[in-house]
Amino acid sequence: MRGDVVIVDLQNINPALKVRPALVIQSDEYNQLLNSTIIAQITGNTSRSFERTQLLIDEKHPDWEQSGLERASVVNAASLFTIQQVRIINTIGSFSLQTMEEVDECLKAALDL
């Protein structure tokens, strides 16, 4: 579902990538219709967290506990992937509607919308 924080295996897309957290950004409607979904990469590299395309999720963020993340991370709206839903290993958490609105602003910046 949109807003789920999931663990995905991206090694088939790029061997340099690994099993990692990601955020489902595709609509629930299309998640039900399609076998694929669109995700935004989540990374523990927070050095670019000040950029408009990055959303910092840390212990100060209201969704920290429900995110399921183990360390401070950023949702990187400039690093999007379309993956087969079977590549989702499990769901570890989710973001609130308010946080997804913040993610939407990052996506707008990344995609120049």
N, C-alpha and C. Protein backbone atom coordinates (compact mmCIF):
# COMPACT_ATOMS: atom_id res chain seq x y z
N MET A 1 0.83 -1.19 0.00
CA MET A 1 0.00 0.00 0.00
C MET A 1 0.87 1.25 0.00
N ARG A 2 0.34 2.29 -0.59
CA ARG A 2 1.08 3.54 -0.61
C ARG A 2 1.38 3.98 0.81
N GLY A 3 2.61 4.37 1.06
CA GLY A 3 3.03 4.79 2.39
C GLY A 3 3.67 3.69 3.21
N ASP A 4 3.68 2.45 2.68
CA ASP A 4 4.34 1.35 3.39
C ASP A 4 5.85 1.47 3.26
N VAL A 5 6.53 1.24 4.37
CA VAL A 5 7.99 1.11 4.36
C VAL A 5 8.26 -0.38 4.23
N VAL A 6 8.96 -0.74 3.17
CA VAL A 6 9.16 -2.15 2.84
C VAL A 6 10.65 -2.46 2.71
N ILE A 7 10.96 -3.73 2.82
CA ILE A 7 12.30 -4.21 2.51
C ILE A 7 12.23 -4.85 1.13
N VAL A 8 13.11 -4.41 0.24
CA VAL A 8 13.10 -4.89 -1.14
C VAL A 8 14.48 -5.39 -1.55
N ASP A 9 14.48 -6.30 -2.50
CA ASP A 9 15.71 -6.82 -3.07
C ASP A 9 15.91 -6.15 -4.42
N LEU A 10 16.89 -5.25 -4.50
CA LEU A 10 17.15 -4.50 -5.73
C LEU A 10 18.36 -5.03 -6.50
N GLN A 11 18.92 -6.14 -6.06
CA GLN A 11 20.14 -6.64 -6.70
C GLN A 11 19.93 -7.04 -8.15
N ASN A 12 18.71 -7.44 -8.52
CA ASN A 12 18.47 -7.79 -9.92
C ASN A 12 18.43 -6.56 -10.81
N ILE A 13 18.15 -5.39 -10.23
CA ILE A 13 18.15 -4.15 -10.99
C ILE A 13 19.57 -3.65 -11.18
N ASN A 14 20.35 -3.73 -10.11
CA ASN A 14 21.73 -3.27 -10.13
C ASN A 14 22.49 -4.05 -9.07
N PRO A 15 23.49 -4.84 -9.45
CA PRO A 15 24.21 -5.65 -8.47
C PRO A 15 24.85 -4.84 -7.35
N ALA A 16 25.10 -3.55 -7.59
CA ALA A 16 25.68 -2.71 -6.54
C ALA A 16 24.66 -2.37 -5.46
N LEU A 17 23.38 -2.50 -5.81
CA LEU A 17 22.33 -2.25 -4.83
C LEU A 17 22.13 -3.52 -4.01
N LYS A 18 21.45 -3.39 -2.93
CA LYS A 18 21.30 -4.53 -2.03
C LYS A 18 19.88 -4.61 -1.52
N VAL A 19 19.68 -5.53 -0.62
CA VAL A 19 18.40 -5.60 0.07
C VAL A 19 18.35 -4.38 0.99
N ARG A 20 17.28 -3.59 0.85
CA ARG A 20 17.25 -2.31 1.55
C ARG A 20 15.82 -1.86 1.79
N PRO A 21 15.63 -0.85 2.65
CA PRO A 21 14.29 -0.30 2.82
C PRO A 21 13.93 0.63 1.66
N ALA A 22 12.64 0.72 1.42
CA ALA A 22 12.11 1.60 0.38
C ALA A 22 10.71 2.01 0.80
N LEU A 23 10.20 3.03 0.14
CA LEU A 23 8.86 3.53 0.41
C LEU A 23 7.99 3.32 -0.83
N VAL A 24 6.85 2.69 -0.64
CA VAL A 24 5.91 2.51 -1.76
C VAL A 24 5.23 3.86 -2.00
N ILE A 25 5.37 4.38 -3.23
CA ILE A 25 4.77 5.68 -3.56
C ILE A 25 3.66 5.57 -4.60
N GLN A 26 3.53 4.41 -5.22
CA GLN A 26 2.46 4.21 -6.20
C GLN A 26 1.11 4.18 -5.50
N SER A 27 0.07 4.61 -6.19
CA SER A 27 -1.28 4.64 -5.62
C SER A 27 -1.77 3.24 -5.28
N ASP A 28 -2.63 3.16 -4.28
CA ASP A 28 -3.22 1.87 -3.91
C ASP A 28 -4.00 1.26 -5.08
N GLU A 29 -4.67 2.12 -5.85
CA GLU A 29 -5.42 1.63 -7.00
C GLU A 29 -4.53 0.86 -7.95
N TYR A 30 -3.39 1.43 -8.30
CA TYR A 30 -2.49 0.77 -9.24
C TYR A 30 -1.71 -0.38 -8.59
N ASN A 31 -1.50 -0.30 -7.29
CA ASN A 31 -0.87 -1.44 -6.60
C ASN A 31 -1.77 -2.68 -6.68
N GLN A 32 -3.07 -2.47 -6.73
CA GLN A 32 -4.00 -3.60 -6.85
C GLN A 32 -4.14 -4.07 -8.29
N LEU A 33 -4.04 -3.16 -9.24
CA LEU A 33 -4.23 -3.50 -10.65
C LEU A 33 -3.00 -4.14 -11.29
N LEU A 34 -1.83 -3.73 -10.84
CA LEU A 34 -0.58 -4.13 -11.50
C LEU A 34 0.22 -5.11 -10.65
N ASN A 35 1.14 -5.80 -11.29
CA ASN A 35 2.07 -6.67 -10.57
C ASN A 35 3.33 -5.92 -10.16
N SER A 36 3.45 -4.68 -10.61
CA SER A 36 4.61 -3.86 -10.29
C SER A 36 4.18 -2.71 -9.39
N THR A 37 5.17 -2.07 -8.79
CA THR A 37 4.90 -0.89 -7.97
C THR A 37 6.08 0.07 -8.10
N ILE A 38 5.85 1.31 -7.75
CA ILE A 38 6.90 2.33 -7.79
C ILE A 38 7.33 2.60 -6.35
N ILE A 39 8.65 2.59 -6.14
CA ILE A 39 9.20 2.83 -4.81
C ILE A 39 10.22 3.95 -4.86
N ALA A 40 10.42 4.57 -3.71
CA ALA A 40 11.51 5.53 -3.52
C ALA A 40 12.52 4.88 -2.59
N GLN A 41 13.77 4.99 -2.95
CA GLN A 41 14.83 4.41 -2.13
C GLN A 41 14.91 5.10 -0.78
N ILE A 42 15.17 4.34 0.26
CA ILE A 42 15.46 4.88 1.58
C ILE A 42 16.91 4.52 1.89
N THR A 43 17.68 5.51 2.31
CA THR A 43 19.09 5.29 2.57
C THR A 43 19.49 5.85 3.93
N GLY A 44 20.48 5.23 4.52
CA GLY A 44 21.03 5.71 5.77
C GLY A 44 22.03 6.83 5.58
N ASN A 45 22.35 7.16 4.33
CA ASN A 45 23.25 8.27 4.04
C ASN A 45 22.43 9.56 4.11
N THR A 46 22.54 10.26 5.21
CA THR A 46 21.73 11.47 5.44
C THR A 46 22.46 12.75 5.07
N SER A 47 23.60 12.65 4.41
CA SER A 47 24.41 13.84 4.11
C SER A 47 23.70 14.82 3.17
N ARG A 48 22.69 14.36 2.42
CA ARG A 48 21.96 15.25 1.50
C ARG A 48 20.55 15.56 2.02
N SER A 49 20.31 15.34 3.30
CA SER A 49 18.97 15.49 3.87
C SER A 49 18.42 16.92 3.77
N PHE A 50 19.27 17.88 3.53
CA PHE A 50 18.85 19.28 3.39
C PHE A 50 18.26 19.58 2.01
N GLU A 51 18.44 18.67 1.05
CA GLU A 51 17.94 18.91 -0.30
C GLU A 51 16.43 18.72 -0.37
N ARG A 52 15.80 19.42 -1.30
CA ARG A 52 14.33 19.37 -1.44
C ARG A 52 13.80 18.01 -1.87
N THR A 53 14.68 17.17 -2.40
CA THR A 53 14.26 15.84 -2.85
C THR A 53 14.42 14.77 -1.77
N GLN A 54 14.86 15.17 -0.60
CA GLN A 54 15.15 14.23 0.48
C GLN A 54 14.27 14.53 1.69
N LEU A 55 13.74 13.49 2.32
CA LEU A 55 12.97 13.67 3.55
C LEU A 55 13.64 12.89 4.67
N LEU A 56 14.12 13.60 5.67
CA LEU A 56 14.80 12.98 6.80
C LEU A 56 13.78 12.36 7.75
N ILE A 57 14.02 11.10 8.06
CA ILE A 57 13.22 10.38 9.05
C ILE A 57 14.18 9.96 10.15
N ASP A 58 14.09 10.63 11.29
CA ASP A 58 14.95 10.30 12.42
C ASP A 58 14.11 10.28 13.70
N GLU A 59 14.76 10.13 14.82
CA GLU A 59 14.03 10.00 16.09
C GLU A 59 13.21 11.24 16.43
N LYS A 60 13.45 12.36 15.79
CA LYS A 60 12.67 13.59 16.02
C LYS A 60 11.42 13.65 15.14
N HIS A 61 11.37 12.82 14.10
CA HIS A 61 10.24 12.85 13.17
C HIS A 61 9.03 12.15 13.81
N PRO A 62 7.83 12.71 13.63
CA PRO A 62 6.63 12.11 14.25
C PRO A 62 6.36 10.65 13.84
N ASP A 63 6.81 10.25 12.66
CA ASP A 63 6.57 8.88 12.20
C ASP A 63 7.74 7.93 12.46
N TRP A 64 8.71 8.38 13.24
CA TRP A 64 9.91 7.56 13.47
C TRP A 64 9.56 6.15 13.94
N GLU A 65 8.79 6.05 14.99
CA GLU A 65 8.50 4.73 15.57
C GLU A 65 7.72 3.84 14.61
N GLN A 66 6.73 4.39 13.95
CA GLN A 66 5.91 3.56 13.06
C GLN A 66 6.59 3.28 11.73
N SER A 67 7.73 3.95 11.46
CA SER A 67 8.44 3.72 10.19
C SER A 67 9.10 2.35 10.15
N GLY A 68 9.49 1.83 11.30
CA GLY A 68 10.20 0.56 11.34
C GLY A 68 11.67 0.66 11.00
N LEU A 69 12.14 1.88 10.73
CA LEU A 69 13.55 2.07 10.40
C LEU A 69 14.39 1.96 11.67
N GLU A 70 15.59 1.44 11.52
CA GLU A 70 16.46 1.20 12.67
C GLU A 70 17.45 2.33 12.93
N ARG A 71 17.62 3.20 11.94
CA ARG A 71 18.53 4.33 12.12
C ARG A 71 18.03 5.50 11.28
N ALA A 72 18.54 6.67 11.58
CA ALA A 72 18.16 7.86 10.82
C ALA A 72 18.40 7.60 9.34
N SER A 73 17.42 7.97 8.52
CA SER A 73 17.47 7.69 7.09
C SER A 73 16.78 8.80 6.33
N VAL A 74 16.96 8.80 5.03
CA VAL A 74 16.22 9.73 4.17
C VAL A 74 15.46 8.95 3.11
N VAL A 75 14.26 9.44 2.82
CA VAL A 75 13.53 8.99 1.65
C VAL A 75 14.08 9.82 0.51
N ASN A 76 14.63 9.16 -0.49
CA ASN A 76 15.28 9.84 -1.61
C ASN A 76 14.32 9.85 -2.81
N ALA A 77 13.61 10.95 -2.97
CA ALA A 77 12.63 11.07 -4.06
C ALA A 77 13.30 11.21 -5.42
N ALA A 78 14.60 11.37 -5.44
CA ALA A 78 15.33 11.44 -6.71
C ALA A 78 15.83 10.06 -7.14
N SER A 79 15.54 9.04 -6.34
CA SER A 79 15.97 7.68 -6.66
C SER A 79 14.75 6.77 -6.61
N LEU A 80 14.06 6.69 -7.75
CA LEU A 80 12.82 5.92 -7.86
C LEU A 80 13.06 4.67 -8.70
N PHE A 81 12.32 3.62 -8.37
CA PHE A 81 12.41 2.36 -9.10
C PHE A 81 11.01 1.81 -9.31
N THR A 82 10.81 1.16 -10.44
CA THR A 82 9.63 0.34 -10.65
C THR A 82 10.09 -1.09 -10.49
N ILE A 83 9.45 -1.81 -9.56
CA ILE A 83 9.84 -3.18 -9.28
C ILE A 83 8.61 -4.09 -9.33
N GLN A 84 8.84 -5.36 -9.53
CA GLN A 84 7.77 -6.34 -9.40
C GLN A 84 7.42 -6.45 -7.91
N GLN A 85 6.15 -6.54 -7.61
CA GLN A 85 5.74 -6.59 -6.21
C GLN A 85 6.31 -7.80 -5.48
N VAL A 86 6.64 -8.86 -6.21
CA VAL A 86 7.25 -10.04 -5.57
C VAL A 86 8.64 -9.74 -5.02
N ARG A 87 9.25 -8.61 -5.42
CA ARG A 87 10.57 -8.21 -4.90
C ARG A 87 10.46 -7.61 -3.50
N ILE A 88 9.24 -7.36 -3.05
CA ILE A 88 9.04 -6.86 -1.68
C ILE A 88 9.16 -8.06 -0.75
N ILE A 89 10.14 -8.01 0.13
CA ILE A 89 10.39 -9.11 1.06
C ILE A 89 9.41 -9.04 2.23
N ASN A 90 9.26 -7.86 2.81
CA ASN A 90 8.27 -7.67 3.88
C ASN A 90 8.04 -6.18 4.13
N THR A 91 7.00 -5.91 4.88
CA THR A 91 6.65 -4.54 5.26
C THR A 91 7.09 -4.35 6.70
N ILE A 92 7.87 -3.29 6.95
CA ILE A 92 8.38 -3.06 8.30
C ILE A 92 7.70 -1.90 9.01
N GLY A 93 6.97 -1.06 8.25
CA GLY A 93 6.33 0.09 8.86
C GLY A 93 5.50 0.85 7.84
N SER A 94 5.12 2.05 8.23
CA SER A 94 4.34 2.89 7.32
C SER A 94 4.47 4.34 7.74
N PHE A 95 4.08 5.21 6.82
CA PHE A 95 4.07 6.65 7.08
C PHE A 95 2.63 7.15 7.11
N SER A 96 2.42 8.19 7.89
CA SER A 96 1.11 8.83 8.00
C SER A 96 0.81 9.63 6.74
N LEU A 97 -0.44 10.03 6.60
CA LEU A 97 -0.85 10.86 5.49
C LEU A 97 -0.04 12.16 5.47
N GLN A 98 0.19 12.73 6.64
CA GLN A 98 0.96 13.98 6.72
C GLN A 98 2.39 13.78 6.19
N THR A 99 3.02 12.70 6.56
CA THR A 99 4.38 12.43 6.07
C THR A 99 4.36 12.16 4.57
N MET A 100 3.34 11.47 4.09
CA MET A 100 3.24 11.22 2.65
C MET A 100 3.05 12.53 1.89
N GLU A 101 2.41 13.51 2.49
CA GLU A 101 2.31 14.83 1.85
C GLU A 101 3.68 15.47 1.76
N GLU A 102 4.53 15.26 2.76
CA GLU A 102 5.91 15.75 2.71
C GLU A 102 6.67 15.03 1.60
N VAL A 103 6.47 13.73 1.50
CA VAL A 103 7.10 12.95 0.43
C VAL A 103 6.64 13.47 -0.93
N ASP A 104 5.35 13.78 -1.05
CA ASP A 104 4.83 14.31 -2.32
C ASP A 104 5.55 15.60 -2.71
N GLU A 105 5.84 16.44 -1.74
CA GLU A 105 6.59 17.68 -2.04
C GLU A 105 7.99 17.36 -2.54
N CYS A 106 8.63 16.36 -1.95
CA CYS A 106 9.95 15.93 -2.42
C CYS A 106 9.87 15.38 -3.84
N LEU A 107 8.82 14.61 -4.12
CA LEU A 107 8.62 14.07 -5.47
C LEU A 107 8.40 15.20 -6.48
N LYS A 108 7.63 16.20 -6.11
CA LYS A 108 7.41 17.35 -6.99
C LYS A 108 8.73 18.03 -7.32
N ALA A 109 9.58 18.17 -6.32
CA ALA A 109 10.90 18.80 -6.56
C ALA A 109 11.75 17.94 -7.47
N ALA A 110 11.74 16.63 -7.24
CA ALA A 110 12.56 15.72 -8.04
C ALA A 110 12.10 15.64 -9.49
N LEU A 111 10.78 15.70 -9.68
CA LEU A 111 10.22 15.51 -11.02
C LEU A 111 9.83 16.83 -11.70
N ASP A 112 10.10 17.94 -11.04
CA ASP A 112 9.81 19.27 -11.56
C ASP A 112 8.31 19.41 -11.91
N LEU A 113 7.47 19.00 -10.99
CA LEU A 113 6.02 19.07 -11.19
C LEU A 113 5.44 20.32 -10.54
